[in-house]
Amino acid sequence: MTGKHHNWHRAWSRITPGRLRHESGAEFIIAQGDGYTDAQVSAETLSVLQAAEIARGVPLHDLKSRLTRLCREAIKWHQKNP
């Protein structure tokens, strides 16, 4: 049985090494640290993400948790697709 986030990985693509794009239009910058990986949304695409999520019907109060989940997904996708 598939869950709510089945095929989540299809929404991601690599633009350049260290930069990923989600199907919403948001771009994430991946930074490798000493023993950790960090993801940060690109400031110039934050408004694109917000507009796409609001168009999908995501309430404003849920945007922060959605952004946090997308950052975790970006890291997971980056680690599985080096």
N, C-alpha and C. Protein backbone atom coordinates (compact mmCIF):
# COMPACT_ATOMS: atom_id res chain seq x y z
N MET A 1 0.84 -1.17 0.00
CA MET A 1 0.00 0.00 0.00
C MET A 1 0.89 1.24 0.00
N THR A 2 0.51 2.22 -0.76
CA THR A 2 1.31 3.44 -0.84
C THR A 2 0.76 4.49 0.12
N GLY A 3 1.67 5.35 0.56
CA GLY A 3 1.29 6.39 1.50
C GLY A 3 1.03 7.72 0.82
N LYS A 4 0.84 8.72 1.63
CA LYS A 4 0.50 10.06 1.16
C LYS A 4 1.61 10.67 0.31
N HIS A 5 2.85 10.37 0.65
CA HIS A 5 3.99 10.99 -0.05
C HIS A 5 4.68 10.01 -1.00
N HIS A 6 3.93 9.08 -1.55
CA HIS A 6 4.47 8.11 -2.50
C HIS A 6 5.00 8.86 -3.74
N ASN A 7 6.17 8.47 -4.21
CA ASN A 7 6.84 9.08 -5.38
C ASN A 7 7.24 10.54 -5.15
N TRP A 8 7.54 10.89 -3.91
CA TRP A 8 7.96 12.26 -3.60
C TRP A 8 9.22 12.63 -4.36
N HIS A 9 10.07 11.65 -4.65
CA HIS A 9 11.35 11.91 -5.28
C HIS A 9 11.22 12.40 -6.72
N ARG A 10 10.09 12.16 -7.36
CA ARG A 10 9.90 12.61 -8.74
C ARG A 10 9.76 14.13 -8.86
N ALA A 11 9.51 14.79 -7.77
CA ALA A 11 9.33 16.24 -7.78
C ALA A 11 10.65 17.00 -7.77
N TRP A 12 11.79 16.29 -7.65
CA TRP A 12 13.09 16.93 -7.50
C TRP A 12 13.96 16.75 -8.72
N SER A 13 14.81 17.76 -8.98
CA SER A 13 15.82 17.67 -10.03
C SER A 13 17.03 18.50 -9.62
N ARG A 14 18.18 18.16 -10.18
CA ARG A 14 19.41 18.88 -9.88
C ARG A 14 19.64 19.94 -10.95
N ILE A 15 19.89 21.17 -10.53
CA ILE A 15 20.19 22.26 -11.46
C ILE A 15 21.68 22.31 -11.71
N THR A 16 22.42 22.45 -10.64
CA THR A 16 23.88 22.45 -10.66
C THR A 16 24.33 21.64 -9.45
N PRO A 17 25.60 21.28 -9.38
CA PRO A 17 26.05 20.61 -8.16
C PRO A 17 25.79 21.52 -6.94
N GLY A 18 25.08 20.99 -5.98
CA GLY A 18 24.79 21.77 -4.78
C GLY A 18 23.52 22.58 -4.85
N ARG A 19 22.74 22.45 -5.92
CA ARG A 19 21.50 23.22 -6.05
C ARG A 19 20.42 22.32 -6.65
N LEU A 20 19.28 22.23 -5.94
CA LEU A 20 18.17 21.38 -6.36
C LEU A 20 16.93 22.22 -6.61
N ARG A 21 16.06 21.74 -7.49
CA ARG A 21 14.80 22.43 -7.77
C ARG A 21 13.64 21.48 -7.51
N HIS A 22 12.66 21.99 -6.79
CA HIS A 22 11.42 21.25 -6.54
C HIS A 22 10.42 21.65 -7.62
N GLU A 23 9.45 20.78 -7.88
CA GLU A 23 8.48 21.06 -8.94
C GLU A 23 7.65 22.31 -8.67
N SER A 24 7.62 22.78 -7.44
CA SER A 24 6.92 24.02 -7.10
C SER A 24 7.65 25.24 -7.61
N GLY A 25 8.92 25.08 -8.02
CA GLY A 25 9.72 26.20 -8.49
C GLY A 25 10.75 26.66 -7.48
N ALA A 26 10.66 26.16 -6.27
CA ALA A 26 11.62 26.53 -5.23
C ALA A 26 12.96 25.84 -5.48
N GLU A 27 14.02 26.58 -5.24
CA GLU A 27 15.37 26.04 -5.39
C GLU A 27 16.03 26.00 -4.02
N PHE A 28 16.76 24.91 -3.79
CA PHE A 28 17.40 24.69 -2.51
C PHE A 28 18.90 24.57 -2.71
N ILE A 29 19.65 25.21 -1.83
CA ILE A 29 21.11 25.18 -1.86
C ILE A 29 21.55 24.15 -0.83
N ILE A 30 22.34 23.18 -1.30
CA ILE A 30 22.82 22.11 -0.43
C ILE A 30 24.26 22.42 -0.03
N ALA A 31 24.52 22.40 1.26
CA ALA A 31 25.86 22.66 1.78
C ALA A 31 26.32 21.46 2.58
N GLN A 32 27.48 20.94 2.24
CA GLN A 32 28.08 19.82 2.96
C GLN A 32 28.95 20.38 4.08
N GLY A 33 28.68 19.95 5.29
CA GLY A 33 29.49 20.33 6.43
C GLY A 33 30.34 19.17 6.88
N ASP A 34 30.99 19.32 7.99
CA ASP A 34 31.82 18.26 8.54
C ASP A 34 30.92 17.28 9.29
N GLY A 35 30.42 16.27 8.60
CA GLY A 35 29.56 15.28 9.21
C GLY A 35 28.07 15.57 9.09
N TYR A 36 27.69 16.59 8.35
CA TYR A 36 26.26 16.89 8.19
C TYR A 36 26.02 17.49 6.81
N THR A 37 24.76 17.50 6.41
CA THR A 37 24.33 18.13 5.17
C THR A 37 23.24 19.13 5.52
N ASP A 38 23.30 20.31 4.94
CA ASP A 38 22.33 21.37 5.24
C ASP A 38 21.65 21.79 3.95
N ALA A 39 20.37 22.12 4.02
CA ALA A 39 19.61 22.62 2.87
C ALA A 39 19.00 23.96 3.25
N GLN A 40 19.07 24.89 2.33
CA GLN A 40 18.52 26.23 2.56
C GLN A 40 17.80 26.66 1.29
N VAL A 41 16.59 27.19 1.45
CA VAL A 41 15.84 27.64 0.28
C VAL A 41 16.48 28.91 -0.24
N SER A 42 16.56 29.01 -1.56
CA SER A 42 17.12 30.19 -2.19
C SER A 42 16.14 31.36 -2.01
N ALA A 43 16.63 32.49 -1.54
CA ALA A 43 15.78 33.64 -1.23
C ALA A 43 14.97 34.12 -2.43
N GLU A 44 15.57 34.07 -3.63
CA GLU A 44 14.86 34.57 -4.80
C GLU A 44 13.73 33.66 -5.26
N THR A 45 13.68 32.42 -4.77
CA THR A 45 12.60 31.51 -5.17
C THR A 45 11.59 31.27 -4.05
N LEU A 46 11.78 31.91 -2.92
CA LEU A 46 10.88 31.72 -1.80
C LEU A 46 9.46 32.20 -2.15
N SER A 47 9.35 33.32 -2.85
CA SER A 47 8.02 33.81 -3.23
C SER A 47 7.34 32.88 -4.23
N VAL A 48 8.14 32.22 -5.09
CA VAL A 48 7.59 31.25 -6.04
C VAL A 48 6.99 30.08 -5.27
N LEU A 49 7.72 29.58 -4.29
CA LEU A 49 7.22 28.49 -3.46
C LEU A 49 5.94 28.89 -2.74
N GLN A 50 5.93 30.07 -2.16
CA GLN A 50 4.76 30.53 -1.43
C GLN A 50 3.55 30.62 -2.35
N ALA A 51 3.72 31.16 -3.54
CA ALA A 51 2.60 31.28 -4.48
C ALA A 51 2.09 29.91 -4.92
N ALA A 52 3.00 28.97 -5.17
CA ALA A 52 2.61 27.63 -5.59
C ALA A 52 1.85 26.90 -4.49
N GLU A 53 2.31 27.05 -3.25
CA GLU A 53 1.65 26.37 -2.14
C GLU A 53 0.28 26.97 -1.86
N ILE A 54 0.15 28.27 -1.94
CA ILE A 54 -1.15 28.91 -1.72
C ILE A 54 -2.11 28.50 -2.83
N ALA A 55 -1.62 28.39 -4.07
CA ALA A 55 -2.45 27.95 -5.18
C ALA A 55 -2.93 26.51 -4.98
N ARG A 56 -2.13 25.69 -4.31
CA ARG A 56 -2.52 24.31 -4.00
C ARG A 56 -3.53 24.24 -2.86
N GLY A 57 -3.73 25.34 -2.17
CA GLY A 57 -4.69 25.37 -1.07
C GLY A 57 -4.06 25.18 0.29
N VAL A 58 -2.74 25.29 0.40
CA VAL A 58 -2.06 25.16 1.69
C VAL A 58 -2.32 26.43 2.50
N PRO A 59 -2.84 26.31 3.71
CA PRO A 59 -3.09 27.49 4.54
C PRO A 59 -1.77 28.19 4.91
N LEU A 60 -1.86 29.49 5.13
CA LEU A 60 -0.66 30.26 5.46
C LEU A 60 0.06 29.73 6.69
N HIS A 61 -0.68 29.29 7.69
CA HIS A 61 -0.04 28.83 8.91
C HIS A 61 0.71 27.50 8.72
N ASP A 62 0.49 26.81 7.61
CA ASP A 62 1.19 25.55 7.34
C ASP A 62 2.41 25.71 6.44
N LEU A 63 2.67 26.92 5.95
CA LEU A 63 3.79 27.12 5.03
C LEU A 63 5.14 26.83 5.67
N LYS A 64 5.29 27.16 6.93
CA LYS A 64 6.57 26.92 7.61
C LYS A 64 6.86 25.42 7.71
N SER A 65 5.87 24.64 8.11
CA SER A 65 6.08 23.20 8.22
C SER A 65 6.29 22.57 6.84
N ARG A 66 5.63 23.08 5.84
CA ARG A 66 5.83 22.58 4.47
C ARG A 66 7.26 22.88 4.00
N LEU A 67 7.76 24.07 4.28
CA LEU A 67 9.12 24.43 3.91
C LEU A 67 10.14 23.57 4.64
N THR A 68 9.89 23.30 5.90
CA THR A 68 10.78 22.43 6.68
C THR A 68 10.81 21.03 6.09
N ARG A 69 9.64 20.52 5.71
CA ARG A 69 9.58 19.17 5.11
C ARG A 69 10.30 19.15 3.76
N LEU A 70 10.17 20.21 2.97
CA LEU A 70 10.87 20.26 1.69
C LEU A 70 12.38 20.31 1.88
N CYS A 71 12.85 20.98 2.92
CA CYS A 71 14.29 21.00 3.21
C CYS A 71 14.78 19.59 3.55
N ARG A 72 14.02 18.86 4.35
CA ARG A 72 14.39 17.48 4.68
C ARG A 72 14.37 16.61 3.43
N GLU A 73 13.37 16.79 2.57
CA GLU A 73 13.30 16.03 1.32
C GLU A 73 14.49 16.34 0.43
N ALA A 74 14.88 17.61 0.36
CA ALA A 74 16.02 18.01 -0.48
C ALA A 74 17.29 17.30 -0.03
N ILE A 75 17.51 17.24 1.27
CA ILE A 75 18.69 16.56 1.80
C ILE A 75 18.64 15.08 1.48
N LYS A 76 17.47 14.47 1.69
CA LYS A 76 17.31 13.04 1.43
C LYS A 76 17.52 12.73 -0.05
N TRP A 77 16.96 13.56 -0.93
CA TRP A 77 17.11 13.34 -2.37
C TRP A 77 18.57 13.51 -2.79
N HIS A 78 19.22 14.52 -2.23
CA HIS A 78 20.64 14.78 -2.55
C HIS A 78 21.50 13.60 -2.13
N GLN A 79 21.23 13.02 -0.98
CA GLN A 79 22.04 11.90 -0.50
C GLN A 79 21.81 10.64 -1.33
N LYS A 80 20.60 10.45 -1.84
CA LYS A 80 20.31 9.27 -2.66
C LYS A 80 20.71 9.45 -4.12
N ASN A 81 20.94 10.68 -4.55
CA ASN A 81 21.30 10.99 -5.94
C ASN A 81 22.54 11.88 -5.97
N PRO A 82 23.70 11.33 -5.62
CA PRO A 82 24.91 12.17 -5.51
C PRO A 82 25.39 12.75 -6.82
